[in-house]
Amino acid sequence: MKENNRKHFPVEEVFGTPIQMGQSIGESQREVLKDFYSITLDRINEGRKNINSISIDFATKIAKESIMYVEEYSPDILEEAKGISISSGLKLWEVMLLNIRNQLGIAFDSGCTSVGVRKEKSQLGNNLIGQNWDNDPEFDKFSLVLIRRPKDKPDFISFTQPGLMAYIGFNDEGLGICMNALMAPGRGTGVPWYFIVRKIFEQNNYKNVIKQVVSAKRAIPANAFITTTSELFDLEITDSQVETLFPDSNGVLIHTNHCVHPKFSKIAEDYPDLIESKARFPRAQTFFDRKSERITSDDFKNILMDHEEFPRSICRHENDHPETGFWTSVISVIIDPSENKMYLTRGNPCSNEYVTYNL
């Protein structure tokens, strides 16, 4: 388990209208964006070794269709993508391709374990959420912490890659989001998930979050693991339904990569298990069930660095899995929006320290 000596991710901060923020990102991240675009399709196909590979022609078609869906769903956010295109030299559909990798890679976008605790059960007195992001370690060199301060909308900070409209993080109104790939029905074309996440970052309560998710003609299934100042909930999202999960009697909420809502039991049976999702879920559940006292941030760290059933464990390392064996826990994150803080490791949490990022 080699330690990553580069502890900190670069931090970028942008301001203004969507197109102004996009132009700032495109200018400052121009070379990273070009390199990231150049490997994206190759890395998608790396996770499809036993499946037909995705051609650039097909990827281009889906990217261009996605632009039309976003134009209807959120034209203002599309303006940011246009700004990135203008200043980076990438075509608009090439920027969009970065945002639809999970539409092309089926479920091969992120195999994650998310955990959360309500403030009544938290030693800090705040809702906490966290997760490991199990993914292609090649994405590390393209990753950064991006702070957006949009005009007339909430500021937010996220761990991300340049070009993506939103990713894991929190806003200045107390909403934080983690996310997991979900093995469930999708239509493959529609509003890309990261644009929906961006709309979630503009909200501060459950009711408005649901409104933004339901109103989108969603391209893929996804799982959104969300805290607000007073709420903690999980959304299992398919192409046609959205169901909500809430914390258990201990104030704890857990999710991995399969459906657990009773209304989706048939989906959970019919769809394959993504990197031992159905084993990681009870492992995390058992860990918290054994906790009688209030839950600390160290408890989060301990479960996120857990190696039970190694190498197919919550803290994931390279192994012999034929399709996702090259995946690792690229980051681990704990989010405390009430304190405007996000704690993030660069690499596996078992061998890298959590670094604090503030909004």
Protein backbone atom coordinates (compact mmCIF):
# COMPACT_ATOMS: atom_id res chain seq x y z
CA MET A 1 0.00 0.00 0.00
CA LYS A 2 2.19 2.78 -1.33
CA GLU A 3 1.72 6.17 0.29
CA ASN A 4 0.91 9.13 -1.93
CA ASN A 5 3.26 11.97 -0.98
CA ARG A 6 1.23 14.63 -2.78
CA LYS A 7 -1.21 15.29 0.01
CA HIS A 8 -3.03 18.34 -1.32
CA PHE A 9 -5.15 18.76 -4.42
CA PRO A 10 -4.75 22.04 -6.28
CA VAL A 11 -7.46 24.57 -5.44
CA GLU A 12 -9.13 26.82 -8.02
CA GLU A 13 -11.65 29.59 -7.28
CA VAL A 14 -13.90 31.20 -9.90
CA PHE A 15 -16.52 33.96 -9.75
CA GLY A 16 -19.32 35.54 -11.74
CA THR A 17 -21.87 34.51 -14.31
CA PRO A 18 -21.86 30.96 -15.64
CA ILE A 19 -20.00 31.90 -18.80
CA GLN A 20 -17.45 33.94 -16.81
CA MET A 21 -16.79 31.02 -14.46
CA GLY A 22 -16.49 28.67 -17.43
CA GLN A 23 -14.00 30.94 -19.16
CA SER A 24 -11.92 31.15 -15.97
CA ILE A 25 -11.86 27.36 -15.65
CA GLY A 26 -11.08 26.87 -19.34
CA GLU A 27 -8.23 29.35 -19.24
CA SER A 28 -6.56 28.21 -16.02
CA GLN A 29 -7.07 24.49 -16.68
CA ARG A 30 -6.56 24.54 -20.46
CA GLU A 31 -3.79 21.95 -20.67
CA VAL A 32 -5.33 19.71 -18.00
CA LEU A 33 -8.66 19.81 -19.84
CA LYS A 34 -7.06 18.80 -23.11
CA ASP A 35 -5.15 15.95 -21.50
CA PHE A 36 -8.24 14.84 -19.56
CA TYR A 37 -10.32 14.82 -22.72
CA SER A 38 -7.65 12.88 -24.61
CA ILE A 39 -7.72 9.92 -22.20
CA THR A 40 -11.41 9.90 -21.20
CA LEU A 41 -12.67 7.48 -23.83
CA ASP A 42 -9.65 5.21 -23.41
CA ARG A 43 -10.27 4.97 -19.66
CA ILE A 44 -13.96 4.28 -20.20
CA ASN A 45 -13.02 1.41 -22.48
CA GLU A 46 -10.43 0.17 -19.95
CA GLY A 47 -13.42 -0.64 -17.73
CA ARG A 48 -15.19 -2.45 -20.57
CA LYS A 49 -12.59 -5.12 -21.33
CA ASN A 50 -15.19 -7.85 -21.64
CA ILE A 51 -17.76 -5.62 -23.37
CA ASN A 52 -17.79 -3.98 -26.77
CA SER A 53 -15.72 -0.80 -26.70
CA ILE A 54 -17.25 2.64 -27.19
CA SER A 55 -16.32 4.34 -30.48
CA ILE A 56 -15.61 8.05 -30.78
CA ASP A 57 -18.48 8.33 -33.25
CA PHE A 58 -20.95 6.91 -30.73
CA ALA A 59 -19.52 9.04 -27.92
CA THR A 60 -19.83 12.15 -30.10
CA LYS A 61 -23.46 11.33 -30.90
CA ILE A 62 -24.41 10.96 -27.22
CA ALA A 63 -22.51 14.13 -26.28
CA LYS A 64 -24.30 16.19 -28.90
CA GLU A 65 -27.69 14.78 -27.89
CA SER A 66 -26.88 15.67 -24.28
CA ILE A 67 -26.35 19.30 -25.22
CA MET A 68 -29.94 19.48 -26.45
CA TYR A 69 -31.32 17.96 -23.22
CA VAL A 70 -29.30 20.37 -21.07
CA GLU A 71 -30.42 23.34 -23.18
CA GLU A 72 -33.96 22.55 -22.08
CA TYR A 73 -33.21 21.55 -18.47
CA SER A 74 -30.70 24.20 -17.45
CA PRO A 75 -29.53 26.62 -20.16
CA ASP A 76 -27.66 28.76 -17.61
CA ILE A 77 -25.41 25.87 -16.58
CA LEU A 78 -24.83 25.05 -20.24
CA GLU A 79 -23.41 28.58 -20.51
CA GLU A 80 -20.60 27.51 -18.18
CA ALA A 81 -19.77 24.61 -20.48
CA LYS A 82 -19.72 27.07 -23.39
CA GLY A 83 -17.35 29.31 -21.45
CA ILE A 84 -15.00 26.37 -20.84
CA SER A 85 -15.13 25.57 -24.55
CA ILE A 86 -14.36 29.15 -25.59
CA SER A 87 -11.26 29.56 -23.44
CA SER A 88 -9.87 26.01 -23.51
CA GLY A 89 -10.09 25.37 -27.25
CA LEU A 90 -12.20 22.24 -26.76
CA LYS A 91 -15.40 21.98 -28.76
CA LEU A 92 -18.62 22.17 -26.76
CA TRP A 93 -19.41 18.50 -27.42
CA GLU A 94 -15.90 17.62 -26.19
CA VAL A 95 -16.60 19.41 -22.90
CA MET A 96 -19.90 17.54 -22.75
CA LEU A 97 -18.09 14.23 -23.32
CA LEU A 98 -16.28 14.76 -20.00
CA ASN A 99 -19.70 15.06 -18.33
CA ILE A 100 -21.18 11.89 -19.81
CA ARG A 101 -18.46 9.34 -19.06
CA ASN A 102 -20.89 7.51 -16.77
CA GLN A 103 -23.41 7.28 -19.63
CA LEU A 104 -20.80 5.61 -21.82
CA GLY A 105 -19.25 3.42 -19.16
CA ILE A 106 -22.54 1.88 -18.02
CA ALA A 107 -21.93 1.60 -14.26
CA PHE A 108 -18.18 1.96 -14.50
CA ASP A 109 -18.01 5.46 -13.08
CA SER A 110 -17.72 5.06 -9.34
CA GLY A 111 -18.07 2.21 -6.91
CA CYS A 112 -18.42 3.97 -3.59
CA THR A 113 -19.41 3.52 0.03
CA SER A 114 -21.26 6.49 1.59
CA VAL A 115 -22.01 6.98 5.28
CA GLY A 116 -23.89 9.68 7.18
CA VAL A 117 -25.03 10.50 10.70
CA ARG A 118 -27.68 12.88 12.01
CA LYS A 119 -26.55 15.69 14.31
CA GLU A 120 -28.38 14.19 17.30
CA LYS A 121 -26.08 11.15 17.11
CA SER A 122 -22.93 13.04 16.09
CA GLN A 123 -20.35 14.04 18.66
CA LEU A 124 -19.83 17.28 16.73
CA GLY A 125 -23.52 18.14 16.88
CA ASN A 126 -23.70 18.49 13.10
CA ASN A 127 -24.92 16.23 10.31
CA LEU A 128 -21.90 14.54 8.74
CA ILE A 129 -21.59 12.65 5.47
CA GLY A 130 -18.63 10.94 3.85
CA GLN A 131 -17.56 8.43 1.28
CA ASN A 132 -14.74 6.69 -0.52
CA TRP A 133 -14.60 7.41 -4.25
CA ASP A 134 -13.52 4.13 -5.83
CA ASN A 135 -12.42 4.82 -9.36
CA ASP A 136 -9.63 4.83 -11.91
CA PRO A 137 -6.46 6.14 -10.19
CA GLU A 138 -5.50 7.82 -13.47
CA PHE A 139 -8.09 10.48 -12.62
CA ASP A 140 -5.98 11.69 -9.68
CA LYS A 141 -3.69 13.80 -11.84
CA PHE A 142 -6.67 15.58 -13.39
CA SER A 143 -8.42 16.25 -10.09
CA LEU A 144 -8.72 19.45 -8.09
CA VAL A 145 -10.82 21.20 -5.47
CA LEU A 146 -12.94 23.79 -7.26
CA ILE A 147 -14.70 26.67 -5.50
CA ARG A 148 -17.43 28.35 -7.51
CA ARG A 149 -18.92 31.66 -6.42
CA PRO A 150 -21.74 32.19 -8.92
CA LYS A 151 -23.69 35.39 -9.22
CA ASP A 152 -27.03 35.23 -7.34
CA LYS A 153 -26.67 31.54 -6.39
CA PRO A 154 -25.06 29.64 -3.49
CA ASP A 155 -21.29 29.34 -3.43
CA PHE A 156 -20.08 25.76 -3.44
CA ILE A 157 -16.89 23.72 -3.23
CA SER A 158 -16.33 20.31 -4.78
CA PHE A 159 -13.74 17.66 -5.41
CA THR A 160 -13.91 17.28 -9.17
CA GLN A 161 -12.12 17.18 -12.49
CA PRO A 162 -12.04 20.30 -14.69
CA GLY A 163 -14.91 20.41 -17.16
CA LEU A 164 -17.41 18.65 -14.88
CA MET A 165 -20.37 20.79 -13.89
CA ALA A 166 -20.40 19.51 -10.30
CA TYR A 167 -19.18 16.68 -8.13
CA ILE A 168 -18.76 15.73 -4.44
CA GLY A 169 -18.90 18.70 -2.06
CA PHE A 170 -21.11 21.25 -0.27
CA ASN A 171 -22.58 24.73 -0.62
CA ASP A 172 -22.66 27.73 1.70
CA GLU A 173 -26.29 27.08 2.66
CA GLY A 174 -25.54 23.84 4.47
CA LEU A 175 -26.19 21.30 1.72
CA GLY A 176 -23.60 18.59 1.12
CA ILE A 177 -23.66 15.78 -1.41
CA CYS A 178 -21.89 12.46 -1.84
CA MET A 179 -22.83 10.11 -4.64
CA ASN A 180 -22.69 6.50 -5.79
CA ALA A 181 -23.16 4.78 -9.10
CA LEU A 182 -26.41 2.79 -8.93
CA MET A 183 -27.09 -0.51 -10.64
CA ALA A 184 -30.59 0.24 -11.94
CA PRO A 185 -32.46 1.13 -15.15
CA GLY A 186 -31.37 4.12 -17.23
CA ARG A 187 -32.12 5.35 -20.71
CA GLY A 188 -28.54 6.17 -21.73
CA THR A 189 -29.40 9.54 -23.19
CA GLY A 190 -30.94 12.55 -21.51
CA VAL A 191 -29.80 15.13 -18.94
CA PRO A 192 -26.30 14.12 -17.75
CA TRP A 193 -26.04 13.36 -14.03
CA TYR A 194 -23.47 16.09 -13.27
CA PHE A 195 -25.84 18.78 -14.51
CA ILE A 196 -28.49 17.46 -12.13
CA VAL A 197 -25.93 17.52 -9.30
CA ARG A 198 -25.19 21.14 -10.20
CA LYS A 199 -28.89 21.99 -9.75
CA ILE A 200 -28.83 20.18 -6.40
CA PHE A 201 -25.99 22.46 -5.27
CA GLU A 202 -28.31 25.42 -5.86
CA GLN A 203 -30.79 24.11 -3.23
CA ASN A 204 -30.89 23.97 0.57
CA ASN A 205 -33.72 21.56 1.43
CA TYR A 206 -35.20 18.18 0.57
CA LYS A 207 -38.30 19.52 -1.19
CA ASN A 208 -36.34 21.61 -3.70
CA VAL A 209 -33.75 18.89 -4.30
CA ILE A 210 -36.50 16.42 -5.21
CA LYS A 211 -38.05 18.98 -7.56
CA GLN A 212 -34.80 19.37 -9.51
CA VAL A 213 -34.19 15.63 -9.77
CA VAL A 214 -37.74 14.73 -10.79
CA SER A 215 -37.97 17.49 -13.41
CA ALA A 216 -34.95 16.16 -15.35
CA LYS A 217 -35.28 13.61 -18.12
CA ARG A 218 -32.50 11.59 -16.57
CA ALA A 219 -29.98 9.74 -18.70
CA ILE A 220 -28.71 7.27 -16.12
CA PRO A 221 -29.55 5.85 -12.69
CA ALA A 222 -27.68 7.43 -9.81
CA ASN A 223 -27.61 7.70 -6.05
CA ALA A 224 -27.48 11.04 -4.25
CA PHE A 225 -26.47 11.01 -0.58
CA ILE A 226 -27.38 14.40 0.86
CA THR A 227 -27.32 16.43 4.04
CA THR A 228 -28.84 19.83 4.73
CA THR A 229 -28.76 21.85 7.95
CA SER A 230 -31.70 19.81 9.29
CA GLU A 231 -32.08 16.78 7.00
CA LEU A 232 -30.19 13.65 6.02
CA PHE A 233 -31.50 11.54 3.16
CA ASP A 234 -30.55 9.35 0.24
CA LEU A 235 -32.15 9.35 -3.22
CA GLU A 236 -32.17 6.19 -5.31
CA ILE A 237 -32.77 7.46 -8.82
CA THR A 238 -33.73 5.42 -11.88
CA ASP A 239 -34.85 6.57 -15.31
CA SER A 240 -38.49 6.71 -14.17
CA GLN A 241 -38.58 6.75 -10.34
CA VAL A 242 -37.01 8.49 -7.36
CA GLU A 243 -37.27 6.90 -3.91
CA THR A 244 -35.98 8.29 -0.61
CA LEU A 245 -34.13 6.56 2.22
CA PHE A 246 -33.74 8.10 5.67
CA PRO A 247 -31.43 7.31 8.63
CA ASP A 248 -32.11 4.27 10.80
CA SER A 249 -33.09 4.42 14.48
CA ASN A 250 -29.44 5.08 15.37
CA GLY A 251 -29.39 8.19 13.17
CA VAL A 252 -27.10 6.47 10.63
CA LEU A 253 -27.53 6.30 6.87
CA ILE A 254 -25.47 4.04 4.58
CA HIS A 255 -25.42 3.43 0.84
CA THR A 256 -23.22 1.59 -1.63
CA ASN A 257 -24.00 0.73 -5.27
CA HIS A 258 -27.20 -1.31 -5.24
CA CYS A 259 -30.83 -0.43 -4.59
CA VAL A 260 -32.01 -0.96 -1.01
CA HIS A 261 -35.39 0.77 -1.05
CA PRO A 262 -38.19 -1.84 -0.75
CA LYS A 263 -39.85 -0.56 -3.93
CA PHE A 264 -36.65 -1.39 -5.82
CA SER A 265 -36.12 -4.91 -4.46
CA LYS A 266 -36.65 -6.47 -7.89
CA ILE A 267 -34.04 -4.15 -9.39
CA ALA A 268 -31.57 -5.17 -6.69
CA GLU A 269 -32.17 -8.82 -7.59
CA ASP A 270 -31.96 -8.37 -11.35
CA TYR A 271 -28.89 -6.14 -11.65
CA PRO A 272 -25.31 -7.32 -11.12
CA ASP A 273 -23.36 -6.45 -7.99
CA LEU A 274 -20.86 -3.63 -8.56
CA ILE A 275 -17.54 -4.41 -6.84
CA GLU A 276 -19.10 -6.26 -3.93
CA SER A 277 -21.63 -3.53 -3.12
CA LYS A 278 -23.87 -6.02 -1.32
CA ALA A 279 -21.00 -7.01 0.98
CA ARG A 280 -19.77 -3.47 1.69
CA PHE A 281 -23.22 -2.29 2.78
CA PRO A 282 -23.68 -4.72 5.73
CA ARG A 283 -20.03 -4.30 6.71
CA ALA A 284 -20.60 -0.55 7.23
CA GLN A 285 -23.97 -1.19 8.86
CA THR A 286 -22.51 -3.65 11.37
CA PHE A 287 -19.73 -1.22 12.26
CA PHE A 288 -22.19 1.53 13.20
CA ASP A 289 -24.66 -0.84 14.87
CA ARG A 290 -21.93 -1.67 17.38
CA LYS A 291 -21.53 2.00 18.31
CA SER A 292 -23.52 2.85 21.45
CA GLU A 293 -21.92 6.24 22.04
CA ARG A 294 -22.07 9.31 19.78
CA ILE A 295 -20.39 8.93 16.41
CA THR A 296 -17.19 10.85 15.73
CA SER A 297 -15.33 11.86 12.61
CA ASP A 298 -12.74 9.23 13.60
CA ASP A 299 -15.49 6.60 13.34
CA PHE A 300 -16.07 7.73 9.77
CA LYS A 301 -12.35 7.46 9.06
CA ASN A 302 -12.16 3.99 10.61
CA ILE A 303 -14.92 2.51 8.46
CA LEU A 304 -13.69 4.23 5.29
CA MET A 305 -10.23 2.71 5.77
CA ASP A 306 -11.64 -0.74 6.59
CA HIS A 307 -9.96 -3.72 4.90
CA GLU A 308 -12.28 -6.55 5.87
CA GLU A 309 -12.43 -9.06 2.98
CA PHE A 310 -9.39 -7.35 1.45
CA PRO A 311 -8.78 -6.79 -1.44
CA ARG A 312 -12.50 -6.33 -2.16
CA SER A 313 -13.08 -4.05 0.79
CA ILE A 314 -14.48 -0.62 1.65
CA CYS A 315 -10.97 0.81 1.37
CA ARG A 316 -10.24 -0.49 -2.11
CA HIS A 317 -6.85 -1.41 -3.56
CA GLU A 318 -5.77 -2.85 -6.87
CA ASN A 319 -6.78 -6.50 -7.24
CA ASP A 320 -7.52 -9.21 -9.79
CA HIS A 321 -11.11 -8.25 -10.66
CA PRO A 322 -11.30 -8.64 -14.49
CA GLU A 323 -13.07 -5.31 -15.13
CA THR A 324 -12.52 -2.99 -12.17
CA GLY A 325 -9.41 -4.49 -10.56
CA PHE A 326 -7.41 -1.40 -11.44
CA TRP A 327 -9.77 0.79 -9.41
CA THR A 328 -8.68 2.09 -6.00
CA SER A 329 -10.12 4.42 -3.38
CA VAL A 330 -8.81 7.49 -5.21
CA ILE A 331 -10.10 9.77 -2.45
CA SER A 332 -11.89 9.57 0.84
CA VAL A 333 -13.98 12.54 1.96
CA ILE A 334 -15.86 13.67 5.07
CA ILE A 335 -18.15 16.68 4.67
CA ASP A 336 -19.33 18.98 7.47
CA PRO A 337 -21.29 21.76 5.72
CA SER A 338 -22.35 23.38 8.99
CA GLU A 339 -18.68 24.16 9.64
CA ASN A 340 -17.92 24.95 5.97
CA LYS A 341 -15.34 22.16 5.93
CA MET A 342 -14.49 19.17 3.77
CA TYR A 343 -11.80 16.69 4.80
CA LEU A 344 -10.18 14.93 1.86
CA THR A 345 -7.47 12.34 1.33
CA ARG A 346 -5.46 12.13 -1.85
CA GLY A 347 -5.33 8.38 -2.21
CA ASN A 348 -6.47 5.56 0.07
CA PRO A 349 -7.47 6.73 3.55
CA CYS A 350 -5.49 3.90 5.13
CA SER A 351 -2.20 5.52 4.06
CA ASN A 352 -2.98 9.20 3.45
CA GLU A 353 -4.07 11.87 5.90
CA TYR A 354 -7.26 13.91 5.63
CA VAL A 355 -6.58 17.50 4.54
CA THR A 356 -9.07 20.27 5.39
CA TYR A 357 -10.60 22.40 2.63
CA ASN A 358 -12.79 25.39 3.53
CA LEU A 359 -15.40 27.25 1.54
